[in-house]
Amino acid sequence: MILDILEKSKKENKIIGLNFYGTYEGFNCGYVLEYTDEFVILQHFSKFGTADGIVTLSLSDIKFVETDTAYLNGIELLIKRQKEILTQTFHLKSKNEFKNNFTSLFESFIGDKDFIIKFELDDDEVYFGFIEWCDEDYFSIINIDLDGAVIGKATFRFEDLKVYTVDDLECRKRKVLFEASKQ
């Protein structure tokens, strides 16, 4: 059965996930380049859909094989849309435009669905989403998970916000997946 999955992956460049015994590192995902009844050579892809090396693995170390999961389908989409993910699209229009205070740039994204923002809080919690509203003390986001799905809304205090990042690689990845989930 596993050899049939490997053959299909090789013939169709179909992304599969290989999960291993005794590891917390999850799995390798990619498509099969070559295989025998003892090992497999996989074109590995990162969580951003970028080619991330050729991996040779022993079949005896594989606990199970995943196919057609939401995660793997997301990786296939990211592979196809590499240009969008790898290209930063937000740039400051003017260097003086947002110098007033820490939240000047932040406030310009209220209601904006073009950019997912990364929010790092004092307790090292990290959230991603769209800014829904803010006042002097609080801000609210539409929370986007790592697969691009809306998982609810969250409200935070500005005093707990350590860093916010616009249009980084993870934000762009989630945005591509978010847009695909709406179609």
N, C-alpha and C. Protein backbone atom coordinates (compact mmCIF):
# COMPACT_ATOMS: atom_id res chain seq x y z
N MET A 1 0.82 -1.20 0.00
CA MET A 1 0.00 0.00 0.00
C MET A 1 0.87 1.27 0.00
N ILE A 2 1.88 1.31 0.87
CA ILE A 2 2.75 2.49 0.92
C ILE A 2 3.49 2.66 -0.41
N LEU A 3 3.93 1.55 -1.01
CA LEU A 3 4.62 1.65 -2.29
C LEU A 3 3.71 2.22 -3.38
N ASP A 4 2.41 1.90 -3.31
CA ASP A 4 1.45 2.47 -4.27
C ASP A 4 1.35 3.99 -4.11
N ILE A 5 1.35 4.45 -2.87
CA ILE A 5 1.29 5.89 -2.60
C ILE A 5 2.55 6.57 -3.10
N LEU A 6 3.70 5.94 -2.86
CA LEU A 6 4.97 6.50 -3.33
C LEU A 6 5.00 6.57 -4.85
N GLU A 7 4.49 5.54 -5.51
CA GLU A 7 4.46 5.53 -6.98
C GLU A 7 3.57 6.65 -7.52
N LYS A 8 2.41 6.83 -6.91
CA LYS A 8 1.49 7.90 -7.35
C LYS A 8 2.14 9.27 -7.15
N SER A 9 2.80 9.45 -6.02
CA SER A 9 3.48 10.72 -5.75
C SER A 9 4.56 10.97 -6.80
N LYS A 10 5.31 9.94 -7.15
CA LYS A 10 6.38 10.07 -8.13
C LYS A 10 5.82 10.40 -9.52
N LYS A 11 4.80 9.68 -9.94
CA LYS A 11 4.23 9.87 -11.28
C LYS A 11 3.56 11.23 -11.44
N GLU A 12 2.83 11.66 -10.39
CA GLU A 12 1.99 12.86 -10.50
C GLU A 12 2.57 14.09 -9.79
N ASN A 13 3.80 13.96 -9.24
CA ASN A 13 4.36 15.03 -8.40
C ASN A 13 3.37 15.43 -7.31
N LYS A 14 2.75 14.43 -6.70
CA LYS A 14 1.74 14.64 -5.67
C LYS A 14 2.43 14.76 -4.31
N ILE A 15 2.08 15.80 -3.58
CA ILE A 15 2.67 16.04 -2.26
C ILE A 15 2.13 15.01 -1.26
N ILE A 16 3.04 14.40 -0.50
CA ILE A 16 2.68 13.49 0.57
C ILE A 16 3.41 13.91 1.84
N GLY A 17 2.94 13.42 2.98
CA GLY A 17 3.60 13.65 4.26
C GLY A 17 4.09 12.33 4.82
N LEU A 18 5.34 12.29 5.23
CA LEU A 18 5.92 11.08 5.81
C LEU A 18 6.18 11.32 7.29
N ASN A 19 5.51 10.55 8.14
CA ASN A 19 5.62 10.67 9.59
C ASN A 19 6.50 9.54 10.11
N PHE A 20 7.37 9.85 11.06
CA PHE A 20 8.38 8.91 11.51
C PHE A 20 8.15 8.44 12.94
N TYR A 21 8.68 7.28 13.24
CA TYR A 21 8.68 6.76 14.61
C TYR A 21 9.59 7.60 15.49
N GLY A 22 9.16 7.86 16.71
CA GLY A 22 10.03 8.45 17.73
C GLY A 22 10.52 9.85 17.48
N THR A 23 9.73 10.70 16.83
CA THR A 23 10.16 12.07 16.62
C THR A 23 9.02 13.04 16.88
N TYR A 24 9.36 14.16 17.46
CA TYR A 24 8.38 15.22 17.68
C TYR A 24 8.43 16.25 16.56
N GLU A 25 9.36 16.09 15.66
CA GLU A 25 9.56 17.05 14.59
C GLU A 25 8.53 16.91 13.49
N GLY A 26 7.54 16.06 13.70
CA GLY A 26 6.49 15.94 12.71
C GLY A 26 6.90 15.07 11.55
N PHE A 27 6.98 15.68 10.41
CA PHE A 27 7.18 14.88 9.21
C PHE A 27 7.87 15.70 8.13
N ASN A 28 8.23 15.01 7.08
CA ASN A 28 8.72 15.65 5.86
C ASN A 28 7.59 15.60 4.84
N CYS A 29 7.42 16.69 4.11
CA CYS A 29 6.41 16.65 3.06
C CYS A 29 7.06 17.05 1.74
N GLY A 30 6.58 16.43 0.69
CA GLY A 30 7.10 16.69 -0.64
C GLY A 30 6.61 15.63 -1.59
N TYR A 31 7.25 15.56 -2.75
CA TYR A 31 6.89 14.51 -3.68
C TYR A 31 8.09 13.60 -3.90
N VAL A 32 7.78 12.37 -4.27
CA VAL A 32 8.79 11.32 -4.42
C VAL A 32 9.55 11.51 -5.72
N LEU A 33 10.87 11.48 -5.61
CA LEU A 33 11.73 11.51 -6.79
C LEU A 33 12.08 10.09 -7.23
N GLU A 34 12.43 9.25 -6.25
CA GLU A 34 12.77 7.84 -6.48
C GLU A 34 12.45 7.05 -5.22
N TYR A 35 12.27 5.74 -5.37
CA TYR A 35 12.06 4.88 -4.20
C TYR A 35 12.38 3.43 -4.55
N THR A 36 12.65 2.66 -3.51
CA THR A 36 12.79 1.21 -3.61
C THR A 36 11.93 0.63 -2.50
N ASP A 37 12.04 -0.66 -2.27
CA ASP A 37 11.29 -1.25 -1.15
C ASP A 37 12.01 -1.01 0.18
N GLU A 38 13.15 -0.29 0.17
CA GLU A 38 13.88 0.01 1.40
C GLU A 38 13.99 1.50 1.72
N PHE A 39 13.99 2.37 0.72
CA PHE A 39 14.16 3.80 0.99
C PHE A 39 13.38 4.63 -0.02
N VAL A 40 13.25 5.91 0.29
CA VAL A 40 12.58 6.86 -0.59
C VAL A 40 13.41 8.14 -0.65
N ILE A 41 13.48 8.74 -1.83
CA ILE A 41 14.13 10.04 -2.01
C ILE A 41 13.01 11.04 -2.30
N LEU A 42 12.95 12.06 -1.47
CA LEU A 42 11.84 13.00 -1.48
C LEU A 42 12.33 14.41 -1.77
N GLN A 43 11.65 15.13 -2.68
CA GLN A 43 11.87 16.57 -2.82
C GLN A 43 11.08 17.21 -1.70
N HIS A 44 11.78 17.69 -0.70
CA HIS A 44 11.13 18.24 0.50
C HIS A 44 10.75 19.69 0.26
N PHE A 45 9.61 20.12 0.86
CA PHE A 45 9.16 21.51 0.81
C PHE A 45 8.96 22.03 2.22
N SER A 46 9.31 23.29 2.43
CA SER A 46 9.13 23.93 3.74
C SER A 46 7.66 24.29 3.95
N LYS A 47 7.36 24.80 5.13
CA LYS A 47 5.99 25.22 5.43
C LYS A 47 5.55 26.42 4.60
N PHE A 48 6.48 27.05 3.90
CA PHE A 48 6.17 28.16 3.01
C PHE A 48 6.05 27.71 1.55
N GLY A 49 6.18 26.41 1.30
CA GLY A 49 6.06 25.90 -0.06
C GLY A 49 7.32 26.05 -0.89
N THR A 50 8.44 26.34 -0.24
CA THR A 50 9.70 26.49 -0.97
C THR A 50 10.45 25.16 -0.97
N ALA A 51 11.12 24.86 -2.09
CA ALA A 51 11.93 23.65 -2.17
C ALA A 51 12.99 23.74 -1.07
N ASP A 52 13.10 22.66 -0.28
CA ASP A 52 13.93 22.71 0.92
C ASP A 52 14.83 21.48 1.03
N GLY A 53 15.37 21.06 -0.09
CA GLY A 53 16.35 19.98 -0.07
C GLY A 53 15.79 18.65 -0.54
N ILE A 54 16.71 17.75 -0.83
CA ILE A 54 16.39 16.38 -1.23
C ILE A 54 16.68 15.51 -0.01
N VAL A 55 15.68 14.78 0.43
CA VAL A 55 15.79 13.98 1.65
C VAL A 55 15.71 12.50 1.27
N THR A 56 16.64 11.71 1.79
CA THR A 56 16.61 10.26 1.60
C THR A 56 16.24 9.62 2.93
N LEU A 57 15.20 8.78 2.91
CA LEU A 57 14.64 8.22 4.14
C LEU A 57 14.49 6.70 4.02
N SER A 58 14.68 6.04 5.13
CA SER A 58 14.46 4.60 5.19
C SER A 58 12.96 4.33 5.38
N LEU A 59 12.39 3.46 4.57
CA LEU A 59 10.97 3.13 4.70
C LEU A 59 10.65 2.52 6.05
N SER A 60 11.61 1.82 6.66
CA SER A 60 11.36 1.19 7.96
C SER A 60 11.17 2.22 9.08
N ASP A 61 11.58 3.47 8.86
CA ASP A 61 11.41 4.52 9.87
C ASP A 61 10.09 5.27 9.72
N ILE A 62 9.35 4.99 8.66
CA ILE A 62 8.09 5.70 8.41
C ILE A 62 6.97 5.03 9.20
N LYS A 63 6.34 5.82 10.07
CA LYS A 63 5.22 5.32 10.87
C LYS A 63 3.94 5.30 10.04
N PHE A 64 3.66 6.41 9.33
CA PHE A 64 2.52 6.44 8.43
C PHE A 64 2.70 7.53 7.39
N VAL A 65 1.92 7.42 6.33
CA VAL A 65 1.98 8.35 5.20
C VAL A 65 0.66 9.10 5.13
N GLU A 66 0.75 10.42 4.94
CA GLU A 66 -0.46 11.24 4.79
C GLU A 66 -0.60 11.67 3.34
N THR A 67 -1.85 11.70 2.88
CA THR A 67 -2.16 12.23 1.55
C THR A 67 -3.44 13.05 1.65
N ASP A 68 -3.57 14.02 0.77
CA ASP A 68 -4.81 14.80 0.63
C ASP A 68 -5.31 15.43 1.92
N THR A 69 -4.43 15.85 2.81
CA THR A 69 -4.86 16.56 4.02
C THR A 69 -4.96 18.05 3.71
N ALA A 70 -5.62 18.78 4.57
CA ALA A 70 -5.74 20.23 4.40
C ALA A 70 -4.34 20.86 4.39
N TYR A 71 -3.45 20.39 5.26
CA TYR A 71 -2.10 20.93 5.31
C TYR A 71 -1.36 20.70 4.00
N LEU A 72 -1.39 19.48 3.49
CA LEU A 72 -0.68 19.15 2.25
C LEU A 72 -1.28 19.89 1.05
N ASN A 73 -2.60 20.02 1.03
CA ASN A 73 -3.23 20.81 -0.04
C ASN A 73 -2.79 22.26 0.04
N GLY A 74 -2.64 22.77 1.27
CA GLY A 74 -2.13 24.13 1.46
C GLY A 74 -0.71 24.28 0.95
N ILE A 75 0.14 23.29 1.20
CA ILE A 75 1.52 23.32 0.71
C ILE A 75 1.53 23.35 -0.82
N GLU A 76 0.67 22.54 -1.45
CA GLU A 76 0.59 22.54 -2.92
C GLU A 76 0.22 23.93 -3.44
N LEU A 77 -0.73 24.58 -2.76
CA LEU A 77 -1.13 25.93 -3.15
C LEU A 77 0.04 26.91 -2.99
N LEU A 78 0.76 26.79 -1.87
CA LEU A 78 1.89 27.68 -1.62
C LEU A 78 3.00 27.48 -2.65
N ILE A 79 3.21 26.25 -3.09
CA ILE A 79 4.22 25.97 -4.13
C ILE A 79 3.84 26.71 -5.41
N LYS A 80 2.56 26.66 -5.75
CA LYS A 80 2.09 27.31 -6.99
C LYS A 80 2.13 28.83 -6.90
N ARG A 81 2.05 29.37 -5.69
CA ARG A 81 1.95 30.83 -5.53
C ARG A 81 3.18 31.42 -4.83
N GLN A 82 4.35 30.85 -5.13
CA GLN A 82 5.60 31.27 -4.51
C GLN A 82 5.89 32.75 -4.67
N LYS A 83 5.61 33.30 -5.83
CA LYS A 83 5.94 34.71 -6.06
C LYS A 83 5.22 35.61 -5.06
N GLU A 84 3.95 35.32 -4.79
CA GLU A 84 3.19 36.12 -3.83
C GLU A 84 3.76 36.02 -2.42
N ILE A 85 4.19 34.84 -2.05
CA ILE A 85 4.66 34.60 -0.69
C ILE A 85 6.05 35.21 -0.48
N LEU A 86 6.90 35.11 -1.47
CA LEU A 86 8.28 35.55 -1.31
C LEU A 86 8.48 37.04 -1.54
N THR A 87 7.47 37.72 -2.07
CA THR A 87 7.61 39.13 -2.38
C THR A 87 6.89 40.00 -1.35
N GLN A 88 7.64 40.78 -0.61
CA GLN A 88 7.03 41.73 0.32
C GLN A 88 6.34 42.81 -0.49
N THR A 89 5.08 43.10 -0.16
CA THR A 89 4.33 44.08 -0.95
C THR A 89 4.07 45.38 -0.20
N PHE A 90 4.19 45.38 1.12
CA PHE A 90 3.97 46.62 1.87
C PHE A 90 5.27 47.38 2.02
N HIS A 91 5.21 48.68 1.73
CA HIS A 91 6.35 49.58 1.92
C HIS A 91 5.81 50.90 2.46
N LEU A 92 6.56 51.53 3.33
CA LEU A 92 6.15 52.85 3.82
C LEU A 92 6.14 53.84 2.66
N LYS A 93 5.08 54.61 2.60
CA LYS A 93 4.98 55.63 1.54
C LYS A 93 5.93 56.78 1.83
N SER A 94 6.04 57.11 3.11
CA SER A 94 6.91 58.21 3.52
C SER A 94 7.54 57.83 4.86
N LYS A 95 8.80 58.06 5.01
CA LYS A 95 9.46 57.71 6.26
C LYS A 95 8.97 58.55 7.43
N ASN A 96 8.46 59.71 7.16
CA ASN A 96 7.95 60.59 8.22
C ASN A 96 6.48 60.35 8.53
N GLU A 97 5.81 59.61 7.66
CA GLU A 97 4.37 59.44 7.75
C GLU A 97 3.93 58.81 9.08
N PHE A 98 4.69 57.89 9.62
CA PHE A 98 4.26 57.14 10.79
C PHE A 98 5.19 57.32 11.98
N LYS A 99 5.81 58.46 12.11
CA LYS A 99 6.77 58.70 13.19
C LYS A 99 6.11 59.16 14.48
N ASN A 100 4.84 59.51 14.47
CA ASN A 100 4.20 60.12 15.63
C ASN A 100 4.29 59.28 16.90
N ASN A 101 3.89 58.00 16.80
CA ASN A 101 3.95 57.13 17.98
C ASN A 101 3.93 55.67 17.53
N PHE A 102 4.01 54.80 18.51
CA PHE A 102 4.09 53.35 18.28
C PHE A 102 2.91 52.83 17.49
N THR A 103 1.75 53.44 17.65
CA THR A 103 0.54 52.92 17.01
C THR A 103 0.15 53.65 15.73
N SER A 104 0.90 54.62 15.28
CA SER A 104 0.53 55.37 14.06
C SER A 104 0.37 54.44 12.86
N LEU A 105 1.36 53.62 12.60
CA LEU A 105 1.27 52.68 11.49
C LEU A 105 0.16 51.67 11.74
N PHE A 106 0.08 51.19 12.96
CA PHE A 106 -0.93 50.22 13.38
C PHE A 106 -2.33 50.70 13.00
N GLU A 107 -2.64 51.93 13.36
CA GLU A 107 -3.98 52.48 13.13
C GLU A 107 -4.32 52.58 11.65
N SER A 108 -3.33 52.67 10.80
CA SER A 108 -3.60 52.76 9.36
C SER A 108 -4.13 51.45 8.79
N PHE A 109 -4.05 50.36 9.55
CA PHE A 109 -4.52 49.05 9.08
C PHE A 109 -5.89 48.66 9.61
N ILE A 110 -6.56 49.54 10.34
CA ILE A 110 -7.89 49.23 10.86
C ILE A 110 -8.82 48.96 9.68
N GLY A 111 -9.44 47.79 9.69
CA GLY A 111 -10.37 47.40 8.63
C GLY A 111 -9.72 46.96 7.33
N ASP A 112 -8.41 47.00 7.24
CA ASP A 112 -7.68 46.64 6.02
C ASP A 112 -7.55 45.12 5.93
N LYS A 113 -8.03 44.54 4.85
CA LYS A 113 -7.94 43.08 4.66
C LYS A 113 -6.84 42.72 3.64
N ASP A 114 -6.01 43.70 3.29
CA ASP A 114 -4.93 43.43 2.34
C ASP A 114 -3.69 42.84 3.00
N PHE A 115 -3.52 43.10 4.30
CA PHE A 115 -2.32 42.64 4.99
C PHE A 115 -2.67 41.99 6.32
N ILE A 116 -2.14 40.79 6.54
CA ILE A 116 -2.22 40.17 7.86
C ILE A 116 -1.06 40.72 8.67
N ILE A 117 -1.35 41.03 9.93
CA ILE A 117 -0.35 41.60 10.83
C ILE A 117 0.03 40.54 11.88
N LYS A 118 1.29 40.50 12.25
CA LYS A 118 1.78 39.63 13.32
C LYS A 118 1.89 40.46 14.59
N PHE A 119 1.32 39.96 15.68
CA PHE A 119 1.31 40.66 16.97
C PHE A 119 2.06 39.82 17.99
N GLU A 120 3.12 40.39 18.57
CA GLU A 120 3.87 39.70 19.63
C GLU A 120 3.61 40.44 20.93
N LEU A 121 3.13 39.69 21.93
CA LEU A 121 2.80 40.27 23.22
C LEU A 121 3.94 40.07 24.21
N ASP A 122 3.87 40.79 25.33
CA ASP A 122 4.91 40.73 26.36
C ASP A 122 5.18 39.32 26.87
N ASP A 123 4.15 38.48 26.89
CA ASP A 123 4.33 37.12 27.41
C ASP A 123 4.78 36.14 26.32
N ASP A 124 5.30 36.68 25.22
CA ASP A 124 5.80 35.91 24.08
C ASP A 124 4.72 35.16 23.31
N GLU A 125 3.46 35.48 23.57
CA GLU A 125 2.37 34.95 22.75
C GLU A 125 2.41 35.67 21.41
N VAL A 126 2.11 34.94 20.34
CA VAL A 126 2.11 35.52 18.99
C VAL A 126 0.77 35.23 18.33
N TYR A 127 0.20 36.25 17.73
CA TYR A 127 -1.08 36.14 17.02
C TYR A 127 -0.92 36.75 15.64
N PHE A 128 -1.76 36.29 14.73
CA PHE A 128 -1.79 36.83 13.37
C PHE A 128 -3.22 37.19 13.03
N GLY A 129 -3.41 38.32 12.35
CA GLY A 129 -4.77 38.65 11.95
C GLY A 129 -4.90 40.02 11.34
N PHE A 130 -6.17 40.37 11.12
CA PHE A 130 -6.53 41.69 10.60
C PHE A 130 -6.97 42.56 11.76
N ILE A 131 -6.59 43.82 11.76
CA ILE A 131 -7.00 44.73 12.82
C ILE A 131 -8.44 45.15 12.56
N GLU A 132 -9.28 44.89 13.56
CA GLU A 132 -10.70 45.22 13.41
C GLU A 132 -11.00 46.62 13.94
N TRP A 133 -10.50 46.94 15.14
CA TRP A 133 -10.70 48.27 15.72
C TRP A 133 -9.67 48.50 16.81
N CYS A 134 -9.54 49.74 17.22
CA CYS A 134 -8.72 50.06 18.38
C CYS A 134 -9.19 51.37 18.99
N ASP A 135 -8.89 51.52 20.28
CA ASP A 135 -9.09 52.80 20.96
C ASP A 135 -7.77 53.11 21.66
N GLU A 136 -7.78 54.00 22.62
CA GLU A 136 -6.52 54.38 23.28
C GLU A 136 -5.87 53.23 24.03
N ASP A 137 -6.68 52.30 24.56
CA ASP A 137 -6.14 51.26 25.43
C ASP A 137 -6.16 49.85 24.83
N TYR A 138 -7.08 49.58 23.92
CA TYR A 138 -7.30 48.22 23.43
C TYR A 138 -7.30 48.17 21.91
N PHE A 139 -7.06 46.96 21.39
CA PHE A 139 -7.25 46.71 19.97
C PHE A 139 -7.82 45.31 19.80
N SER A 140 -8.54 45.13 18.71
CA SER A 140 -9.19 43.85 18.43
C SER A 140 -8.76 43.37 17.05
N ILE A 141 -8.55 42.06 16.96
CA ILE A 141 -8.16 41.47 15.67
C ILE A 141 -9.10 40.34 15.29
N ILE A 142 -9.14 40.07 14.00
CA ILE A 142 -9.73 38.84 13.48
C ILE A 142 -8.56 37.88 13.38
N ASN A 143 -8.58 36.84 14.20
CA ASN A 143 -7.45 35.93 14.38
C ASN A 143 -7.39 34.89 13.25
N ILE A 144 -6.24 34.78 12.59
CA ILE A 144 -6.04 33.87 11.46
C ILE A 144 -5.02 32.80 11.87
N ASP A 145 -5.41 31.51 11.74
CA ASP A 145 -4.49 30.44 12.15
C ASP A 145 -3.47 30.12 11.05
N LEU A 146 -2.61 29.14 11.32
CA LEU A 146 -1.52 28.84 10.40
C LEU A 146 -1.98 28.26 9.07
N ASP A 147 -3.24 27.80 9.01
CA ASP A 147 -3.79 27.30 7.75
C ASP A 147 -4.63 28.35 7.03
N GLY A 148 -4.62 29.59 7.52
CA GLY A 148 -5.35 30.67 6.88
C GLY A 148 -6.82 30.76 7.26
N ALA A 149 -7.24 29.98 8.25
CA ALA A 149 -8.65 29.98 8.67
C ALA A 149 -8.89 31.02 9.77
N VAL A 150 -10.06 31.63 9.74
CA VAL A 150 -10.46 32.54 10.81
C VAL A 150 -10.82 31.68 12.02
N ILE A 151 -10.18 31.96 13.15
CA ILE A 151 -10.46 31.17 14.35
C ILE A 151 -11.14 31.99 15.43
N GLY A 152 -11.59 33.17 15.07
CA GLY A 152 -12.30 34.01 16.02
C GLY A 152 -11.71 35.40 16.09
N LYS A 153 -12.16 36.10 17.10
CA LYS A 153 -11.68 37.47 17.34
C LYS A 153 -11.01 37.50 18.70
N ALA A 154 -10.08 38.42 18.85
CA ALA A 154 -9.38 38.57 20.13
C ALA A 154 -9.15 40.06 20.38
N THR A 155 -9.25 40.44 21.64
CA THR A 155 -9.02 41.83 22.04
C THR A 155 -7.87 41.86 23.03
N PHE A 156 -6.94 42.80 22.83
CA PHE A 156 -5.74 42.91 23.65
C PHE A 156 -5.57 44.34 24.13
N ARG A 157 -4.74 44.48 25.14
CA ARG A 157 -4.34 45.81 25.60
C ARG A 157 -3.09 46.24 24.84
N PHE A 158 -3.06 47.51 24.48
CA PHE A 158 -1.86 48.03 23.82
C PHE A 158 -0.63 47.90 24.71
N GLU A 159 -0.80 48.03 26.02
CA GLU A 159 0.36 47.95 26.91
C GLU A 159 1.01 46.57 26.89
N ASP A 160 0.28 45.54 26.42
CA ASP A 160 0.84 44.19 26.31
C ASP A 160 1.50 43.92 24.96
N LEU A 161 1.33 44.84 24.02
CA LEU A 161 1.89 44.66 22.68
C LEU A 161 3.36 45.07 22.66
N LYS A 162 4.21 44.10 22.36
CA LYS A 162 5.65 44.35 22.33
C LYS A 162 6.10 44.74 20.92
N VAL A 163 5.64 44.00 19.91
CA VAL A 163 6.05 44.21 18.53
C VAL A 163 4.87 43.88 17.62
N TYR A 164 4.71 44.63 16.56
CA TYR A 164 3.81 44.19 15.49
C TYR A 164 4.55 44.28 14.17
N THR A 165 4.30 43.30 13.32
CA THR A 165 5.03 43.18 12.06
C THR A 165 4.03 43.12 10.91
N VAL A 166 4.30 43.89 9.88
CA VAL A 166 3.43 43.94 8.71
C VAL A 166 4.10 43.19 7.56
N ASP A 167 3.36 42.25 6.95
CA ASP A 167 3.76 41.66 5.67
C ASP A 167 5.05 40.83 5.74
N ASP A 168 5.28 40.11 6.85
CA ASP A 168 6.43 39.21 6.85
C ASP A 168 6.05 37.91 6.13
N LEU A 169 7.00 37.01 6.00
CA LEU A 169 6.80 35.78 5.24
C LEU A 169 5.63 34.96 5.78
N GLU A 170 5.55 34.80 7.09
CA GLU A 170 4.45 34.03 7.69
C GLU A 170 3.11 34.73 7.44
N CYS A 171 3.08 36.05 7.52
CA CYS A 171 1.85 36.80 7.24
C CYS A 171 1.40 36.57 5.80
N ARG A 172 2.33 36.62 4.87
CA ARG A 172 1.98 36.44 3.46
C ARG A 172 1.50 35.02 3.20
N LYS A 173 2.13 34.05 3.85
CA LYS A 173 1.70 32.65 3.71
C LYS A 173 0.26 32.51 4.18
N ARG A 174 -0.04 33.02 5.36
CA ARG A 174 -1.40 32.92 5.90
C ARG A 174 -2.40 33.66 5.03
N LYS A 175 -1.99 34.77 4.44
CA LYS A 175 -2.89 35.55 3.58
C LYS A 175 -3.26 34.75 2.34
N VAL A 176 -2.30 34.09 1.70
CA VAL A 176 -2.58 33.26 0.53
C VAL A 176 -3.55 32.15 0.90
N LEU A 177 -3.32 31.49 2.04
CA LEU A 177 -4.21 30.41 2.48
C LEU A 177 -5.58 30.95 2.86
N PHE A 178 -5.63 32.12 3.49
CA PHE A 178 -6.90 32.76 3.85
C PHE A 178 -7.72 33.05 2.60
N GLU A 179 -7.10 33.63 1.60
CA GLU A 179 -7.82 33.95 0.36
C GLU A 179 -8.32 32.69 -0.33
N ALA A 180 -7.53 31.62 -0.31
CA ALA A 180 -7.94 30.37 -0.95
C ALA A 180 -9.12 29.74 -0.21
N SER A 181 -9.18 29.91 1.10
CA SER A 181 -10.28 29.32 1.88
C SER A 181 -11.61 30.02 1.63
N LYS A 182 -11.57 31.24 1.13
CA LYS A 182 -12.80 32.00 0.85
C LYS A 182 -13.41 31.61 -0.49
N GLN A 183 -12.66 30.95 -1.34
CA GLN A 183 -13.14 30.62 -2.69
C GLN A 183 -13.95 29.36 -2.71
